[in-house]
């Protein structure tokens, strides 16, 4: 028998006769505002140079998390809050979250694409880590090694000649084909440049008057939530249910039957065409991802100031599948964009085309994983 998951909207999780109200929402918003301010203080303490530090990166992630939760709560529960204030804050919080997310997105996209290139080139293991001035780690170093191997022949030493013929070692990830090595180098240049620009943009944003105005409003929110007079005793559950219904309707409109097929040829036709607009098949899935996040955060708000008191693992699985879908879709678009670079060698374009097709396969796999997770969630809730 399938184990039923706990539902934070279930009245059995609360004392008899009580329900989550506007006061509960106020506590949740104050808690998230406090997290935002704590992350901002940590970011300022850790500093952020040209490359940033691990502490500042974690602080930026915490800022994004709290900004998303505040913005989502303002969207779902806006009828209980001052409307003008919500309409002013939501775009600003989305700007903060989106700006801080770009550097991490470019970094993760590059690592994803280089790892896929290593896998597609027939390699089976990463080269051993070394120490010293020539030590490198990760796919980016392997691409550089592959480029050197592809660009210049190895000159045998006297000891090599004396030793006579010998068996070649097993291929490693660094031994890429010429096309894959050059494709990796091209992606490295393009995405590293984009990441550097995103880092500079984030630093400028955090020092801007616009961000300081947002931080000031969040600081006020940490102590004073703009609830309407009647909101303190208003039940939150109908608003959370409405968010869930919007999600359910969007999932119902998805082509889940198509997602069950291992190969979606129609998705590949668009990718390498001259048209650079986002893939038309992906937009409904991205929308479901946003609605699923709104639904999850609404459930968090119902559990009180601490949030996350009850975690639905099935919703988490569905959300992770949609995150993988987003990552693979954007990686495929990056490979297609690199393939449009003028005057690249045919072998490089071919490697990028194979990489694009591989990431579109990953998109289909993520859609199928979401389908499986959503069906489990639906059965468990029935």
Protein backbone atom coordinates (compact mmCIF):
# COMPACT_ATOMS: atom_id res chain seq x y z
CA UNK A 1 0.00 0.00 0.00
CA UNK A 2 1.37 3.42 -0.94
CA UNK A 3 2.29 5.60 2.01
CA UNK A 4 0.26 8.78 2.16
CA UNK A 5 2.17 12.02 2.52
CA UNK A 6 1.31 14.65 5.10
CA UNK A 7 -0.59 17.66 3.84
CA UNK A 8 0.01 20.95 5.69
CA UNK A 9 -3.51 22.04 4.75
CA UNK A 10 -4.86 19.10 6.76
CA UNK A 11 -6.55 20.42 9.91
CA UNK A 12 -5.19 17.42 11.85
CA UNK A 13 -1.79 19.13 11.85
CA UNK A 14 -3.19 21.98 13.95
CA UNK A 15 -5.07 22.28 17.20
CA UNK A 16 -8.80 21.67 16.89
CA UNK A 17 -10.69 24.78 15.82
CA UNK A 18 -7.67 26.63 14.40
CA UNK A 19 -6.70 27.40 10.84
CA UNK A 20 -3.77 29.23 9.21
CA UNK A 21 -4.73 32.89 8.99
CA UNK A 22 -3.27 36.22 8.02
CA UNK A 23 -1.33 36.25 11.29
CA UNK A 24 0.35 33.02 10.16
CA UNK A 25 1.24 34.65 6.84
CA UNK A 26 2.65 37.68 8.65
CA UNK A 27 4.90 35.44 10.72
CA UNK A 28 6.12 33.64 7.61
CA UNK A 29 6.89 36.90 5.79
CA UNK A 30 8.73 38.30 8.80
CA UNK A 31 10.78 35.13 8.98
CA UNK A 32 11.72 35.28 5.29
CA UNK A 33 12.55 38.99 5.55
CA UNK A 34 14.85 38.22 8.46
CA UNK A 35 16.57 35.52 6.38
CA UNK A 36 17.02 38.04 3.57
CA UNK A 37 18.66 40.56 5.88
CA UNK A 38 20.86 37.89 7.48
CA UNK A 39 22.05 36.75 4.04
CA UNK A 40 22.71 40.34 3.00
CA UNK A 41 24.84 40.91 6.10
CA UNK A 42 26.77 37.68 5.40
CA UNK A 43 27.37 38.76 1.81
CA UNK A 44 28.79 42.08 2.92
CA UNK A 45 31.00 40.40 5.53
CA UNK A 46 32.44 37.79 3.16
CA UNK A 47 33.02 40.32 0.40
CA UNK A 48 32.95 39.68 -3.32
CA UNK A 49 36.03 40.15 -5.46
CA UNK A 50 36.45 39.44 -9.13
CA UNK A 51 35.72 35.76 -8.64
CA UNK A 52 33.74 35.93 -5.42
CA UNK A 53 34.16 33.55 -2.49
CA UNK A 54 32.31 30.49 -1.34
CA UNK A 55 30.81 32.47 1.52
CA UNK A 56 29.54 35.24 -0.74
CA UNK A 57 28.16 32.65 -3.18
CA UNK A 58 26.23 30.96 -0.40
CA UNK A 59 24.98 34.33 0.81
CA UNK A 60 23.79 35.14 -2.72
CA UNK A 61 21.90 31.82 -2.84
CA UNK A 62 20.27 32.61 0.50
CA UNK A 63 19.26 36.04 -0.78
CA UNK A 64 17.66 34.44 -3.83
CA UNK A 65 15.81 31.86 -1.74
CA UNK A 66 14.26 34.39 0.61
CA UNK A 67 13.47 36.83 -2.22
CA UNK A 68 11.65 34.08 -4.14
CA UNK A 69 9.59 33.08 -1.10
CA UNK A 70 8.58 36.62 -0.27
CA UNK A 71 7.65 37.34 -3.89
CA UNK A 72 5.69 34.08 -4.19
CA UNK A 73 3.76 34.82 -1.00
CA UNK A 74 2.89 38.29 -2.24
CA UNK A 75 1.56 36.72 -5.43
CA UNK A 76 -0.50 33.95 -3.80
CA UNK A 77 -1.85 35.91 -0.85
CA UNK A 78 -2.08 39.38 -2.39
CA UNK A 79 -5.82 39.74 -1.52
CA UNK A 80 -4.77 39.78 2.15
CA UNK A 81 -2.06 42.43 1.70
CA UNK A 82 -1.83 46.03 0.60
CA UNK A 83 -2.25 45.76 -3.17
CA UNK A 84 -0.11 48.76 -4.15
CA UNK A 85 2.73 47.61 -1.92
CA UNK A 86 2.62 44.10 -3.42
CA UNK A 87 2.62 45.41 -6.99
CA UNK A 88 5.66 47.53 -6.17
CA UNK A 89 7.64 44.84 -4.33
CA UNK A 90 7.11 41.79 -6.53
CA UNK A 91 8.96 43.08 -9.65
CA UNK A 92 11.83 44.32 -7.49
CA UNK A 93 12.22 40.99 -5.70
CA UNK A 94 12.11 39.19 -9.06
CA UNK A 95 14.84 41.52 -10.30
CA UNK A 96 17.03 40.73 -7.26
CA UNK A 97 16.53 36.98 -7.58
CA UNK A 98 17.05 36.92 -11.35
CA UNK A 99 20.16 39.10 -11.26
CA UNK A 100 21.82 37.01 -8.55
CA UNK A 101 20.96 33.75 -10.31
CA UNK A 102 22.71 34.45 -13.61
CA UNK A 103 26.31 33.87 -12.55
CA UNK A 104 25.49 30.49 -11.02
CA UNK A 105 23.41 29.57 -14.07
CA UNK A 106 26.26 30.21 -16.51
CA UNK A 107 28.72 28.30 -14.33
CA UNK A 108 26.43 25.28 -14.02
CA UNK A 109 25.60 25.39 -17.75
CA UNK A 110 29.27 25.30 -18.73
CA UNK A 111 30.01 22.40 -16.40
CA UNK A 112 26.99 20.52 -17.72
CA UNK A 113 27.98 20.98 -21.36
CA UNK A 114 31.64 20.11 -20.87
CA UNK A 115 30.74 17.01 -18.88
CA UNK A 116 28.38 15.95 -21.66
CA UNK A 117 31.13 16.48 -24.25
CA UNK A 118 33.44 14.20 -22.28
CA UNK A 119 30.75 11.55 -22.08
CA UNK A 120 29.85 11.80 -25.76
CA UNK A 121 33.48 11.56 -26.84
CA UNK A 122 33.59 7.99 -25.53
CA UNK A 123 35.63 8.62 -22.39
CA UNK A 124 34.85 6.69 -19.26
CA UNK A 125 36.86 8.28 -16.46
CA UNK A 126 38.25 11.62 -15.40
CA UNK A 127 42.04 11.94 -15.55
CA UNK A 128 43.83 11.63 -12.23
CA UNK A 129 44.29 14.84 -10.26
CA UNK A 130 47.84 16.13 -10.03
CA UNK A 131 49.62 18.70 -7.94
CA UNK A 132 51.96 21.50 -8.84
CA UNK A 133 51.75 24.41 -11.27
CA UNK A 134 50.22 22.28 -14.01
CA UNK A 135 47.49 20.83 -11.79
CA UNK A 136 43.99 21.23 -13.13
CA UNK A 137 40.64 19.82 -12.15
CA UNK A 138 37.29 19.33 -13.79
CA UNK A 139 36.03 19.25 -17.34
CA UNK A 140 37.42 22.68 -18.28
CA UNK A 141 41.00 21.51 -17.71
CA UNK A 142 40.28 18.35 -19.69
CA UNK A 143 39.10 20.42 -22.65
CA UNK A 144 42.34 22.40 -22.57
CA UNK A 145 44.30 19.16 -22.50
CA UNK A 146 42.24 17.84 -25.39
CA UNK A 147 42.87 20.99 -27.37
CA UNK A 148 46.62 20.66 -26.87
CA UNK A 149 46.44 17.02 -27.88
CA UNK A 150 44.44 17.86 -30.99
CA UNK A 151 46.56 20.82 -32.01
CA UNK A 152 50.13 19.54 -31.73
CA UNK A 153 51.71 16.11 -32.18
CA UNK A 154 53.76 14.66 -29.37
CA UNK A 155 57.51 14.55 -30.03
CA UNK A 156 59.05 11.28 -28.76
CA UNK A 157 62.06 11.51 -26.46
CA UNK A 158 65.23 9.44 -26.77
CA UNK A 159 64.01 7.18 -23.98
CA UNK A 160 60.80 6.61 -25.86
CA UNK A 161 62.65 5.64 -29.01
CA UNK A 162 64.92 3.24 -27.13
CA UNK A 163 61.95 1.59 -25.42
CA UNK A 164 60.45 0.57 -28.76
CA UNK A 165 56.72 0.12 -29.48
CA UNK A 166 54.34 -0.07 -26.53
CA UNK A 167 50.66 -0.39 -25.91
CA UNK A 168 48.70 2.87 -25.87
CA UNK A 169 46.98 3.64 -22.54
CA UNK A 170 43.21 3.53 -22.30
CA UNK A 171 41.57 6.79 -23.45
CA UNK A 172 40.70 9.29 -20.74
CA UNK A 173 38.28 12.18 -20.68
CA UNK A 174 41.06 14.57 -21.66
CA UNK A 175 41.59 12.76 -24.96
CA UNK A 176 38.76 14.42 -26.83
CA UNK A 177 38.33 14.36 -30.55
CA UNK A 178 39.35 17.47 -32.44
CA UNK A 179 35.76 18.64 -32.90
CA UNK A 180 34.78 18.03 -29.28
CA UNK A 181 37.91 19.77 -27.97
CA UNK A 182 37.32 22.85 -30.09
CA UNK A 183 33.62 22.85 -29.26
CA UNK A 184 34.49 22.74 -25.56
CA UNK A 185 36.97 25.57 -25.94
CA UNK A 186 34.36 27.67 -27.77
CA UNK A 187 31.73 27.03 -25.09
CA UNK A 188 34.30 27.80 -22.40
CA UNK A 189 35.09 31.18 -23.93
CA UNK A 190 31.47 32.16 -24.50
CA UNK A 191 30.03 31.02 -21.17
CA UNK A 192 32.98 32.17 -19.07
CA UNK A 193 32.63 35.62 -20.60
CA UNK A 194 28.89 35.55 -19.86
CA UNK A 195 29.55 34.42 -16.28
CA UNK A 196 32.09 37.20 -15.73
CA UNK A 197 29.64 39.79 -17.01
CA UNK A 198 26.88 38.34 -14.82
CA UNK A 199 29.17 38.56 -11.79
CA UNK A 200 29.93 42.22 -12.51
CA UNK A 201 26.23 42.92 -13.06
CA UNK A 202 25.36 41.30 -9.72
CA UNK A 203 27.99 43.36 -7.88
CA UNK A 204 26.72 46.55 -9.49
CA UNK A 205 23.14 45.63 -8.64
CA UNK A 206 23.96 44.96 -4.98
CA UNK A 207 25.60 48.36 -4.72
CA UNK A 208 22.87 50.26 -6.53
CA UNK A 209 20.31 52.60 -5.03
CA UNK A 210 17.60 50.35 -6.46
CA UNK A 211 18.77 47.39 -4.41
CA UNK A 212 19.18 49.51 -1.28
CA UNK A 213 15.57 50.63 -1.67
CA UNK A 214 14.48 46.98 -1.86
CA UNK A 215 16.57 46.08 1.19
CA UNK A 216 15.03 48.97 3.14
CA UNK A 217 11.52 47.73 2.33
CA UNK A 218 12.44 44.19 3.34
CA UNK A 219 13.83 45.55 6.61
CA UNK A 220 10.47 47.20 7.28
CA UNK A 221 8.73 43.94 6.37
CA UNK A 222 10.75 42.12 9.03
CA UNK A 223 8.87 44.07 11.68
CA UNK A 224 5.70 45.33 10.00
CA UNK A 225 3.71 43.32 7.44
CA UNK A 226 1.16 45.36 5.44
CA UNK A 227 -1.84 43.12 6.12
CA UNK A 228 -5.33 44.39 5.46
CA UNK A 229 -7.52 45.03 8.50
CA UNK A 230 -9.64 41.95 7.87
CA UNK A 231 -6.73 39.64 6.99
CA UNK A 232 -5.66 38.70 10.52
CA UNK A 233 -8.56 36.26 10.90
CA UNK A 234 -8.87 35.23 7.22
CA UNK A 235 -8.21 31.57 6.38
CA UNK A 236 -5.20 31.11 4.10
CA UNK A 237 -6.23 27.71 2.79
CA UNK A 238 -8.55 28.88 -0.02
CA UNK A 239 -5.71 30.96 -1.50
CA UNK A 240 -3.28 28.05 -1.25
CA UNK A 241 -5.87 25.79 -2.86
CA UNK A 242 -6.25 28.25 -5.73
CA UNK A 243 -2.48 28.09 -6.31
CA UNK A 244 -2.66 24.30 -6.38
CA UNK A 245 -5.56 24.38 -8.85
CA UNK A 246 -3.62 26.66 -11.18
CA UNK A 247 -0.76 24.17 -11.08
CA UNK A 248 -3.06 21.21 -11.70
CA UNK A 249 -4.66 22.94 -14.68
CA UNK A 250 -1.26 23.73 -16.19
CA UNK A 251 -0.06 20.14 -15.73
CA UNK A 252 -3.26 18.84 -17.32
CA UNK A 253 -2.49 20.91 -20.42
CA UNK A 254 1.00 19.37 -20.77
CA UNK A 255 1.55 16.68 -23.43
CA UNK A 256 2.46 14.02 -20.87
CA UNK A 257 1.84 11.25 -23.41
CA UNK A 258 4.47 12.74 -25.70
CA UNK A 259 6.81 13.01 -22.73
CA UNK A 260 6.65 9.24 -22.37
CA UNK A 261 8.37 8.70 -25.72
CA UNK A 262 12.19 8.36 -25.64
CA UNK A 263 12.78 10.50 -28.73
CA UNK A 264 11.00 13.70 -29.66
CA UNK A 265 12.17 14.38 -33.21
CA UNK A 266 10.07 17.54 -33.49
CA UNK A 267 12.09 19.09 -30.69
CA UNK A 268 15.32 18.74 -32.67
CA UNK A 269 14.02 20.43 -35.82
CA UNK A 270 13.84 23.81 -34.12
CA UNK A 271 17.12 23.72 -32.21
CA UNK A 272 19.71 24.35 -34.91
CA UNK A 273 17.53 26.49 -37.17
CA UNK A 274 18.49 30.13 -37.80
CA UNK A 275 15.66 31.16 -35.46
CA UNK A 276 17.11 31.99 -32.03
CA UNK A 277 13.87 32.38 -30.08
CA UNK A 278 13.34 30.01 -27.12
CA UNK A 279 12.14 26.53 -27.96
CA UNK A 280 8.32 26.64 -28.30
CA UNK A 281 7.84 23.23 -26.67
CA UNK A 282 9.60 24.29 -23.47
CA UNK A 283 7.49 27.29 -22.46
CA UNK A 284 4.55 25.32 -20.94
CA UNK A 285 6.98 23.23 -18.89
CA UNK A 286 8.78 26.31 -17.60
CA UNK A 287 5.41 27.75 -16.60
CA UNK A 288 4.55 24.56 -14.70
CA UNK A 289 7.87 24.84 -12.90
CA UNK A 290 7.01 28.36 -11.72
CA UNK A 291 3.51 27.31 -10.65
CA UNK A 292 4.90 24.32 -8.77
CA UNK A 293 7.22 26.65 -6.89
CA UNK A 294 4.29 28.94 -6.02
CA UNK A 295 2.37 25.90 -4.77
CA UNK A 296 5.26 24.68 -2.62
CA UNK A 297 5.83 28.10 -1.08
CA UNK A 298 2.11 28.48 -0.37
CA UNK A 299 2.24 25.19 1.54
CA UNK A 300 5.24 26.48 3.47
CA UNK A 301 3.37 29.62 4.46
CA UNK A 302 0.52 27.54 5.91
CA UNK A 303 2.87 25.82 8.34
CA UNK A 304 3.72 29.01 10.19
CA UNK A 305 6.74 31.29 10.62
CA UNK A 306 9.33 28.52 10.35
CA UNK A 307 8.00 27.18 7.05
CA UNK A 308 9.09 23.84 5.63
CA UNK A 309 7.59 22.08 8.67
CA UNK A 310 6.13 19.41 6.38
CA UNK A 311 7.97 18.40 3.21
CA UNK A 312 6.20 16.56 0.41
CA UNK A 313 8.91 14.41 -1.16
CA UNK A 314 6.79 13.79 -4.23
CA UNK A 315 6.51 17.50 -4.94
CA UNK A 316 10.25 17.81 -4.41
CA UNK A 317 10.88 15.03 -6.95
CA UNK A 318 8.59 16.74 -9.45
CA UNK A 319 10.32 20.07 -8.85
CA UNK A 320 13.77 18.54 -9.30
CA UNK A 321 12.69 16.98 -12.59
CA UNK A 322 11.50 20.38 -13.82
CA UNK A 323 14.77 21.97 -12.71
CA UNK A 324 16.66 19.39 -14.76
CA UNK A 325 14.32 20.15 -17.65
CA UNK A 326 15.12 23.85 -17.42
CA UNK A 327 18.88 23.22 -17.17
CA UNK A 328 18.95 20.83 -20.13
CA UNK A 329 16.78 23.13 -22.24
CA UNK A 330 19.04 26.11 -21.63
CA UNK A 331 22.17 24.01 -22.19
CA UNK A 332 20.78 22.83 -25.54
CA UNK A 333 20.09 26.44 -26.50
CA UNK A 334 23.67 27.39 -25.56
CA UNK A 335 25.06 24.58 -27.74
CA UNK A 336 22.86 25.71 -30.65
CA UNK A 337 23.95 29.32 -30.18
CA UNK A 338 27.61 28.27 -30.23
CA UNK A 339 26.97 26.28 -33.41
CA UNK A 340 25.82 29.52 -35.09
CA UNK A 341 29.24 31.11 -34.52
CA UNK A 342 30.58 32.25 -37.90
CA UNK A 343 33.48 30.44 -39.57
CA UNK A 344 33.77 27.51 -37.18
CA UNK A 345 35.18 24.24 -38.50
CA UNK A 346 32.74 21.56 -39.68
CA UNK A 347 34.02 19.15 -37.01
CA UNK A 348 33.28 21.74 -34.31
CA UNK A 349 29.79 22.37 -35.65
CA UNK A 350 29.15 18.63 -35.80
CA UNK A 351 30.23 18.17 -32.16
CA UNK A 352 27.96 21.02 -31.09
CA UNK A 353 25.08 19.50 -33.03
CA UNK A 354 25.56 16.17 -31.29
CA UNK A 355 25.78 18.00 -27.96
CA UNK A 356 22.54 19.85 -28.71
CA UNK A 357 20.75 16.60 -29.55
CA UNK A 358 22.08 15.03 -26.34
CA UNK A 359 20.69 17.85 -24.22
CA UNK A 360 17.32 17.64 -25.96
CA UNK A 361 17.30 13.97 -25.01
CA UNK A 362 17.95 15.10 -21.43
CA UNK A 363 14.93 17.39 -21.76
CA UNK A 364 12.76 14.44 -22.74
CA UNK A 365 14.13 12.34 -19.88
CA UNK A 366 13.31 15.12 -17.40
CA UNK A 367 9.78 15.38 -18.78
CA UNK A 368 9.31 11.66 -18.33
CA UNK A 369 10.71 11.85 -14.77
CA UNK A 370 8.24 14.63 -13.97
CA UNK A 371 5.40 12.55 -15.37
CA UNK A 372 6.36 9.65 -13.09
CA UNK A 373 6.72 11.88 -10.03
CA UNK A 374 3.44 13.69 -10.69
CA UNK A 375 1.51 10.47 -11.08
CA UNK A 376 2.86 9.27 -7.74
CA UNK A 377 1.88 12.58 -6.15
CA UNK A 378 -1.61 12.32 -7.59
CA UNK A 379 -2.08 8.74 -6.40
CA UNK A 380 -0.71 9.53 -2.97
CA UNK A 381 -3.10 12.46 -2.56
CA UNK A 382 -6.17 10.53 -3.66
